[in-house]
Amino acid sequence: MDDEEAWLDALEKGELDDNGDIPKTKDPSLMTARQKALLERARTSNPVENVSVAPKEELSEEAKRKREEKNRRRKLQVCRCG
């Protein structure tokens, strides 16, 4: 299979990168330990499984009031400095 056929196959499968090229395989011996771990995790797991969603906490009235006060102070500080 020549390069053009490989490119057409990748195009049909939707495997081209952002530049329209066939993604090149990376040599693990040239990667850092972190890059190797990320690559291995990407190969072995489903990306949807890695997403963790924390349940939304209901804030008490006191917590809401404190948050609003912090936001008000932050906005005032920005106005004074800018």
PDB file of N, CA and C in Angstrom:
ATOM      1  N   MET A   1       0.857  -1.180   0.000  1.00  0.00           N
ATOM      2  CA  MET A   1       0.000   0.000   0.000  1.00  0.00           C
ATOM      3  C   MET A   1       0.899   1.238   0.000  1.00  0.00           C
ATOM      4  N   ASP A   2       0.642   2.148  -0.900  1.00  0.00           N
ATOM      5  CA  ASP A   2       1.473   3.339  -0.954  1.00  0.00           C
ATOM      6  C   ASP A   2       0.924   4.429  -0.034  1.00  0.00           C
ATOM      7  N   ASP A   3       1.638   5.525   0.027  1.00  0.00           N
ATOM      8  CA  ASP A   3       1.283   6.608   0.951  1.00  0.00           C
ATOM      9  C   ASP A   3      -0.083   7.209   0.655  1.00  0.00           C
ATOM     10  N   GLU A   4      -0.407   7.343  -0.633  1.00  0.00           N
ATOM     11  CA  GLU A   4      -1.684   7.947  -0.997  1.00  0.00           C
ATOM     12  C   GLU A   4      -2.860   7.065  -0.567  1.00  0.00           C
ATOM     13  N   GLU A   5      -2.724   5.757  -0.756  1.00  0.00           N
ATOM     14  CA  GLU A   5      -3.786   4.839  -0.337  1.00  0.00           C
ATOM     15  C   GLU A   5      -3.943   4.839   1.186  1.00  0.00           C
ATOM     16  N   ALA A   6      -2.813   4.884   1.894  1.00  0.00           N
ATOM     17  CA  ALA A   6      -2.865   4.929   3.365  1.00  0.00           C
ATOM     18  C   ALA A   6      -3.558   6.210   3.817  1.00  0.00           C
ATOM     19  N   TRP A   7      -3.266   7.333   3.136  1.00  0.00           N
ATOM     20  CA  TRP A   7      -3.890   8.601   3.489  1.00  0.00           C
ATOM     21  C   TRP A   7      -5.393   8.551   3.216  1.00  0.00           C
ATOM     22  N   LEU A   8      -5.791   7.969   2.083  1.00  0.00           N
ATOM     23  CA  LEU A   8      -7.209   7.864   1.763  1.00  0.00           C
ATOM     24  C   LEU A   8      -7.947   6.975   2.766  1.00  0.00           C
ATOM     25  N   ASP A   9      -7.310   5.877   3.173  1.00  0.00           N
ATOM     26  CA  ASP A   9      -7.916   5.002   4.182  1.00  0.00           C
ATOM     27  C   ASP A   9      -8.098   5.743   5.501  1.00  0.00           C
ATOM     28  N   ALA A  10      -7.080   6.499   5.908  1.00  0.00           N
ATOM     29  CA  ALA A  10      -7.169   7.266   7.153  1.00  0.00           C
ATOM     30  C   ALA A  10      -8.249   8.339   7.046  1.00  0.00           C
ATOM     31  N   LEU A  11      -8.382   8.924   5.880  1.00  0.00           N
ATOM     32  CA  LEU A  11      -9.421   9.932   5.660  1.00  0.00           C
ATOM     33  C   LEU A  11     -10.806   9.319   5.798  1.00  0.00           C
ATOM     34  N   GLU A  12     -11.001   8.156   5.196  1.00  0.00           N
ATOM     35  CA  GLU A  12     -12.295   7.481   5.284  1.00  0.00           C
ATOM     36  C   GLU A  12     -12.632   7.068   6.708  1.00  0.00           C
ATOM     37  N   LYS A  13     -11.619   6.686   7.471  1.00  0.00           N
ATOM     38  CA  LYS A  13     -11.837   6.263   8.859  1.00  0.00           C
ATOM     39  C   LYS A  13     -11.910   7.444   9.823  1.00  0.00           C
ATOM     40  N   GLY A  14     -11.569   8.644   9.342  1.00  0.00           N
ATOM     41  CA  GLY A  14     -11.576   9.814  10.215  1.00  0.00           C
ATOM     42  C   GLY A  14     -10.390   9.844  11.159  1.00  0.00           C
ATOM     43  N   GLU A  15      -9.271   9.318  10.738  1.00  0.00           N
ATOM     44  CA  GLU A  15      -8.096   9.211  11.592  1.00  0.00           C
ATOM     45  C   GLU A  15      -7.022  10.254  11.285  1.00  0.00           C
ATOM     46  N   LEU A  16      -7.313  11.238  10.478  1.00  0.00           N
ATOM     47  CA  LEU A  16      -6.322  12.266  10.177  1.00  0.00           C
ATOM     48  C   LEU A  16      -6.215  13.238  11.349  1.00  0.00           C
ATOM     49  N   ASP A  17      -5.012  13.812  11.532  1.00  0.00           N
ATOM     50  CA  ASP A  17      -4.830  14.772  12.610  1.00  0.00           C
ATOM     51  C   ASP A  17      -5.357  16.142  12.197  1.00  0.00           C
ATOM     52  N   ASP A  18      -5.136  17.148  13.026  1.00  0.00           N
ATOM     53  CA  ASP A  18      -5.665  18.487  12.767  1.00  0.00           C
ATOM     54  C   ASP A  18      -5.111  19.105  11.490  1.00  0.00           C
ATOM     55  N   ASN A  19      -3.934  18.693  11.076  1.00  0.00           N
ATOM     56  CA  ASN A  19      -3.318  19.242   9.870  1.00  0.00           C
ATOM     57  C   ASN A  19      -3.657  18.442   8.620  1.00  0.00           C
ATOM     58  N   GLY A  20      -4.465  17.400   8.752  1.00  0.00           N
ATOM     59  CA  GLY A  20      -4.836  16.582   7.602  1.00  0.00           C
ATOM     60  C   GLY A  20      -3.797  15.529   7.262  1.00  0.00           C
ATOM     61  N   ASP A  21      -2.898  15.236   8.197  1.00  0.00           N
ATOM     62  CA  ASP A  21      -1.869  14.234   7.976  1.00  0.00           C
ATOM     63  C   ASP A  21      -2.216  12.966   8.741  1.00  0.00           C
ATOM     64  N   ILE A  22      -1.588  11.879   8.344  1.00  0.00           N
ATOM     65  CA  ILE A  22      -1.738  10.622   9.078  1.00  0.00           C
ATOM     66  C   ILE A  22      -0.932  10.765  10.366  1.00  0.00           C
ATOM     67  N   PRO A  23      -1.548  10.484  11.513  1.00  0.00           N
ATOM     68  CA  PRO A  23      -0.789  10.603  12.762  1.00  0.00           C
ATOM     69  C   PRO A  23       0.386   9.630  12.783  1.00  0.00           C
ATOM     70  N   LYS A  24       1.513  10.123  13.231  1.00  0.00           N
ATOM     71  CA  LYS A  24       2.713   9.298  13.274  1.00  0.00           C
ATOM     72  C   LYS A  24       2.784   8.599  14.624  1.00  0.00           C
ATOM     73  N   THR A  25       3.244   7.352  14.612  1.00  0.00           N
ATOM     74  CA  THR A  25       3.407   6.630  15.873  1.00  0.00           C
ATOM     75  C   THR A  25       4.619   7.185  16.602  1.00  0.00           C
ATOM     76  N   LYS A  26       4.497   7.286  17.911  1.00  0.00           N
ATOM     77  CA  LYS A  26       5.570   7.853  18.715  1.00  0.00           C
ATOM     78  C   LYS A  26       6.405   6.729  19.308  1.00  0.00           C
ATOM     79  N   ASP A  27       7.696   6.924  19.320  1.00  0.00           N
ATOM     80  CA  ASP A  27       8.620   5.937  19.863  1.00  0.00           C
ATOM     81  C   ASP A  27       8.650   6.060  21.388  1.00  0.00           C
ATOM     82  N   PRO A  28       8.166   5.048  22.104  1.00  0.00           N
ATOM     83  CA  PRO A  28       8.133   5.127  23.569  1.00  0.00           C
ATOM     84  C   PRO A  28       9.511   5.292  24.202  1.00  0.00           C
ATOM     85  N   SER A  29      10.561   4.870  23.542  1.00  0.00           N
ATOM     86  CA  SER A  29      11.899   5.012  24.126  1.00  0.00           C
ATOM     87  C   SER A  29      12.337   6.472  24.167  1.00  0.00           C
ATOM     88  N   LEU A  30      11.673   7.322  23.381  1.00  0.00           N
ATOM     89  CA  LEU A  30      12.005   8.743  23.370  1.00  0.00           C
ATOM     90  C   LEU A  30      11.063   9.573  24.240  1.00  0.00           C
ATOM     91  N   MET A  31      10.131   8.907  24.920  1.00  0.00           N
ATOM     92  CA  MET A  31       9.142   9.607  25.735  1.00  0.00           C
ATOM     93  C   MET A  31       9.563   9.664  27.189  1.00  0.00           C
ATOM     94  N   THR A  32       9.032  10.668  27.895  1.00  0.00           N
ATOM     95  CA  THR A  32       9.231  10.737  29.340  1.00  0.00           C
ATOM     96  C   THR A  32       8.308   9.713  30.001  1.00  0.00           C
ATOM     97  N   ALA A  33       8.545   9.452  31.273  1.00  0.00           N
ATOM     98  CA  ALA A  33       7.712   8.493  31.993  1.00  0.00           C
ATOM     99  C   ALA A  33       6.263   8.960  32.024  1.00  0.00           C
ATOM    100  N   ARG A  34       6.055  10.254  32.174  1.00  0.00           N
ATOM    101  CA  ARG A  34       4.694  10.789  32.212  1.00  0.00           C
ATOM    102  C   ARG A  34       4.003  10.580  30.872  1.00  0.00           C
ATOM    103  N   GLN A  35       4.714  10.852  29.779  1.00  0.00           N
ATOM    104  CA  GLN A  35       4.137  10.665  28.450  1.00  0.00           C
ATOM    105  C   GLN A  35       3.803   9.199  28.191  1.00  0.00           C
ATOM    106  N   LYS A  36       4.681   8.295  28.635  1.00  0.00           N
ATOM    107  CA  LYS A  36       4.414   6.866  28.464  1.00  0.00           C
ATOM    108  C   LYS A  36       3.167   6.454  29.239  1.00  0.00           C
ATOM    109  N   ALA A  37       3.042   6.959  30.467  1.00  0.00           N
ATOM    110  CA  ALA A  37       1.879   6.616  31.290  1.00  0.00           C
ATOM    111  C   ALA A  37       0.598   7.141  30.662  1.00  0.00           C
ATOM    112  N   LEU A  38       0.622   8.363  30.146  1.00  0.00           N
ATOM    113  CA  LEU A  38      -0.557   8.924  29.491  1.00  0.00           C
ATOM    114  C   LEU A  38      -0.925   8.140  28.240  1.00  0.00           C
ATOM    115  N   LEU A  39       0.057   7.750  27.467  1.00  0.00           N
ATOM    116  CA  LEU A  39      -0.191   6.972  26.257  1.00  0.00           C
ATOM    117  C   LEU A  39      -0.781   5.615  26.610  1.00  0.00           C
ATOM    118  N   GLU A  40      -0.223   4.956  27.604  1.00  0.00           N
ATOM    119  CA  GLU A  40      -0.726   3.643  28.018  1.00  0.00           C
ATOM    120  C   GLU A  40      -2.146   3.748  28.551  1.00  0.00           C
ATOM    121  N   ARG A  41      -2.418   4.789  29.340  1.00  0.00           N
ATOM    122  CA  ARG A  41      -3.763   4.971  29.889  1.00  0.00           C
ATOM    123  C   ARG A  41      -4.761   5.236  28.762  1.00  0.00           C
ATOM    124  N   ALA A  42      -4.346   5.987  27.742  1.00  0.00           N
ATOM    125  CA  ALA A  42      -5.230   6.276  26.615  1.00  0.00           C
ATOM    126  C   ALA A  42      -5.516   5.013  25.804  1.00  0.00           C
ATOM    127  N   ARG A  43      -4.553   4.135  25.718  1.00  0.00           N
ATOM    128  CA  ARG A  43      -4.742   2.897  24.946  1.00  0.00           C
ATOM    129  C   ARG A  43      -5.637   1.898  25.658  1.00  0.00           C
ATOM    130  N   THR A  44      -5.550   1.846  26.984  1.00  0.00           N
ATOM    131  CA  THR A  44      -6.216   0.779  27.718  1.00  0.00           C
ATOM    132  C   THR A  44      -7.581   1.136  28.272  1.00  0.00           C
ATOM    133  N   SER A  45      -7.915   2.414  28.328  1.00  0.00           N
ATOM    134  CA  SER A  45      -9.183   2.759  28.973  1.00  0.00           C
ATOM    135  C   SER A  45     -10.102   3.526  28.046  1.00  0.00           C
ATOM    136  N   ASN A  46     -11.345   3.518  28.420  1.00  0.00           N
ATOM    137  CA  ASN A  46     -12.368   4.262  27.713  1.00  0.00           C
ATOM    138  C   ASN A  46     -12.360   5.690  28.261  1.00  0.00           C
ATOM    139  N   PRO A  47     -12.257   6.723  27.432  1.00  0.00           N
ATOM    140  CA  PRO A  47     -12.176   8.092  27.931  1.00  0.00           C
ATOM    141  C   PRO A  47     -13.379   8.501  28.781  1.00  0.00           C
ATOM    142  N   VAL A  48     -14.530   7.925  28.526  1.00  0.00           N
ATOM    143  CA  VAL A  48     -15.714   8.283  29.295  1.00  0.00           C
ATOM    144  C   VAL A  48     -15.582   7.787  30.736  1.00  0.00           C
ATOM    145  N   GLU A  49     -14.896   6.677  30.933  1.00  0.00           N
ATOM    146  CA  GLU A  49     -14.722   6.120  32.277  1.00  0.00           C
ATOM    147  C   GLU A  49     -13.822   6.988  33.143  1.00  0.00           C
ATOM    148  N   ASN A  50     -12.907   7.752  32.540  1.00  0.00           N
ATOM    149  CA  ASN A  50     -11.964   8.554  33.305  1.00  0.00           C
ATOM    150  C   ASN A  50     -12.580   9.833  33.864  1.00  0.00           C
ATOM    151  N   VAL A  51     -13.720  10.228  33.371  1.00  0.00           N
ATOM    152  CA  VAL A  51     -14.336  11.469  33.804  1.00  0.00           C
ATOM    153  C   VAL A  51     -15.081  11.224  35.103  1.00  0.00           C
ATOM    154  N   SER A  52     -14.730  11.997  36.107  1.00  0.00           N
ATOM    155  CA  SER A  52     -15.447  11.877  37.368  1.00  0.00           C
ATOM    156  C   SER A  52     -16.221  13.168  37.611  1.00  0.00           C
ATOM    157  N   VAL A  53     -17.477  13.019  37.902  1.00  0.00           N
ATOM    158  CA  VAL A  53     -18.330  14.174  38.125  1.00  0.00           C
ATOM    159  C   VAL A  53     -18.748  14.167  39.587  1.00  0.00           C
ATOM    160  N   ALA A  54     -18.344  15.222  40.271  1.00  0.00           N
ATOM    161  CA  ALA A  54     -18.708  15.326  41.681  1.00  0.00           C
ATOM    162  C   ALA A  54     -20.153  15.809  41.775  1.00  0.00           C
ATOM    163  N   PRO A  55     -20.900  15.287  42.726  1.00  0.00           N
ATOM    164  CA  PRO A  55     -22.275  15.763  42.879  1.00  0.00           C
ATOM    165  C   PRO A  55     -22.284  17.233  43.305  1.00  0.00           C
ATOM    166  N   LYS A  56     -23.216  17.970  42.780  1.00  0.00           N
ATOM    167  CA  LYS A  56     -23.316  19.398  43.069  1.00  0.00           C
ATOM    168  C   LYS A  56     -23.818  19.563  44.499  1.00  0.00           C
ATOM    169  N   GLU A  57     -23.062  20.327  45.271  1.00  0.00           N
ATOM    170  CA  GLU A  57     -23.445  20.537  46.663  1.00  0.00           C
ATOM    171  C   GLU A  57     -24.365  21.745  46.777  1.00  0.00           C
ATOM    172  N   GLU A  58     -25.363  21.615  47.595  1.00  0.00           N
ATOM    173  CA  GLU A  58     -26.244  22.737  47.885  1.00  0.00           C
ATOM    174  C   GLU A  58     -25.582  23.568  48.965  1.00  0.00           C
ATOM    175  N   LEU A  59     -25.466  24.864  48.714  1.00  0.00           N
ATOM    176  CA  LEU A  59     -24.835  25.742  49.677  1.00  0.00           C
ATOM    177  C   LEU A  59     -25.861  26.262  50.674  1.00  0.00           C
ATOM    178  N   SER A  60     -25.413  26.392  51.903  1.00  0.00           N
ATOM    179  CA  SER A  60     -26.292  26.961  52.914  1.00  0.00           C
ATOM    180  C   SER A  60     -26.398  28.468  52.666  1.00  0.00           C
ATOM    181  N   GLU A  61     -27.334  29.095  53.313  1.00  0.00           N
ATOM    182  CA  GLU A  61     -27.497  30.542  53.158  1.00  0.00           C
ATOM    183  C   GLU A  61     -26.236  31.275  53.594  1.00  0.00           C
ATOM    184  N   GLU A  62     -25.607  30.780  54.659  1.00  0.00           N
ATOM    185  CA  GLU A  62     -24.375  31.403  55.161  1.00  0.00           C
ATOM    186  C   GLU A  62     -23.257  31.290  54.121  1.00  0.00           C
ATOM    187  N   ALA A  63     -23.111  30.120  53.507  1.00  0.00           N
ATOM    188  CA  ALA A  63     -22.077  29.914  52.503  1.00  0.00           C
ATOM    189  C   ALA A  63     -22.338  30.773  51.268  1.00  0.00           C
ATOM    190  N   LYS A  64     -23.600  30.891  50.866  1.00  0.00           N
ATOM    191  CA  LYS A  64     -23.945  31.742  49.729  1.00  0.00           C
ATOM    192  C   LYS A  64     -23.601  33.200  50.023  1.00  0.00           C
ATOM    193  N   ARG A  65     -23.915  33.638  51.237  1.00  0.00           N
ATOM    194  CA  ARG A  65     -23.639  35.024  51.623  1.00  0.00           C
ATOM    195  C   ARG A  65     -22.136  35.288  51.621  1.00  0.00           C
ATOM    196  N   LYS A  66     -21.341  34.337  52.144  1.00  0.00           N
ATOM    197  CA  LYS A  66     -19.891  34.501  52.164  1.00  0.00           C
ATOM    198  C   LYS A  66     -19.322  34.550  50.746  1.00  0.00           C
ATOM    199  N   ARG A  67     -19.843  33.700  49.873  1.00  0.00           N
ATOM    200  CA  ARG A  67     -19.372  33.689  48.489  1.00  0.00           C
ATOM    201  C   ARG A  67     -19.677  35.024  47.798  1.00  0.00           C
ATOM    202  N   GLU A  68     -20.876  35.523  47.995  1.00  0.00           N
ATOM    203  CA  GLU A  68     -21.252  36.809  47.399  1.00  0.00           C
ATOM    204  C   GLU A  68     -20.380  37.935  47.940  1.00  0.00           C
ATOM    205  N   GLU A  69     -20.067  37.897  49.239  1.00  0.00           N
ATOM    206  CA  GLU A  69     -19.210  38.919  49.842  1.00  0.00           C
ATOM    207  C   GLU A  69     -17.798  38.862  49.263  1.00  0.00           C
ATOM    208  N   LYS A  70     -17.250  37.661  49.081  1.00  0.00           N
ATOM    209  CA  LYS A  70     -15.920  37.513  48.473  1.00  0.00           C
ATOM    210  C   LYS A  70     -15.912  38.054  47.044  1.00  0.00           C
ATOM    211  N   ASN A  71     -16.954  37.725  46.290  1.00  0.00           N
ATOM    212  CA  ASN A  71     -17.038  38.209  44.911  1.00  0.00           C
ATOM    213  C   ASN A  71     -17.123  39.727  44.869  1.00  0.00           C
ATOM    214  N   ARG A  72     -17.884  40.306  45.793  1.00  0.00           N
ATOM    215  CA  ARG A  72     -18.018  41.765  45.836  1.00  0.00           C
ATOM    216  C   ARG A  72     -16.670  42.402  46.152  1.00  0.00           C
ATOM    217  N   ARG A  73     -15.941  41.852  47.133  1.00  0.00           N
ATOM    218  CA  ARG A  73     -14.625  42.387  47.489  1.00  0.00           C
ATOM    219  C   ARG A  73     -13.646  42.255  46.325  1.00  0.00           C
ATOM    220  N   ARG A  74     -13.685  41.121  45.636  1.00  0.00           N
ATOM    221  CA  ARG A  74     -12.791  40.892  44.506  1.00  0.00           C
ATOM    222  C   ARG A  74     -13.055  41.913  43.403  1.00  0.00           C
ATOM    223  N   LYS A  75     -14.331  42.170  43.134  1.00  0.00           N
ATOM    224  CA  LYS A  75     -14.680  43.139  42.096  1.00  0.00           C
ATOM    225  C   LYS A  75     -14.236  44.539  42.487  1.00  0.00           C
ATOM    226  N   LEU A  76     -14.395  44.899  43.753  1.00  0.00           N
ATOM    227  CA  LEU A  76     -13.945  46.203  44.222  1.00  0.00           C
ATOM    228  C   LEU A  76     -12.438  46.338  44.113  1.00  0.00           C
ATOM    229  N   GLN A  77     -11.712  45.279  44.427  1.00  0.00           N
ATOM    230  CA  GLN A  77     -10.273  45.306  44.352  1.00  0.00           C
ATOM    231  C   GLN A  77      -9.798  45.493  42.905  1.00  0.00           C
ATOM    232  N   VAL A  78     -10.451  44.855  41.986  1.00  0.00           N
ATOM    233  CA  VAL A  78     -10.099  45.004  40.573  1.00  0.00           C
ATOM    234  C   VAL A  78     -10.342  46.428  40.118  1.00  0.00           C
ATOM    235  N   CYS A  79     -11.433  47.015  40.556  1.00  0.00           N
ATOM    236  CA  CYS A  79     -11.767  48.389  40.160  1.00  0.00           C
ATOM    237  C   CYS A  79     -10.730  49.382  40.692  1.00  0.00           C
ATOM    238  N   ARG A  80     -10.218  49.149  41.891  1.00  0.00           N
ATOM    239  CA  ARG A  80      -9.244  50.049  42.488  1.00  0.00           C
ATOM    240  C   ARG A  80      -7.887  49.938  41.818  1.00  0.00           C
ATOM    241  N   CYS A  81      -7.494  48.728  41.426  1.00  0.00           N
ATOM    242  CA  CYS A  81      -6.151  48.510  40.875  1.00  0.00           C
ATOM    243  C   CYS A  81      -6.084  48.871  39.396  1.00  0.00           C
ATOM    244  N   GLY A  82      -7.157  48.685  38.702  1.00  0.00           N
ATOM    245  CA  GLY A  82      -7.127  48.862  37.261  1.00  0.00           C
ATOM    246  C   GLY A  82      -7.225  50.255  36.860  1.00  0.00           C
TER     247      GLY A  82
END
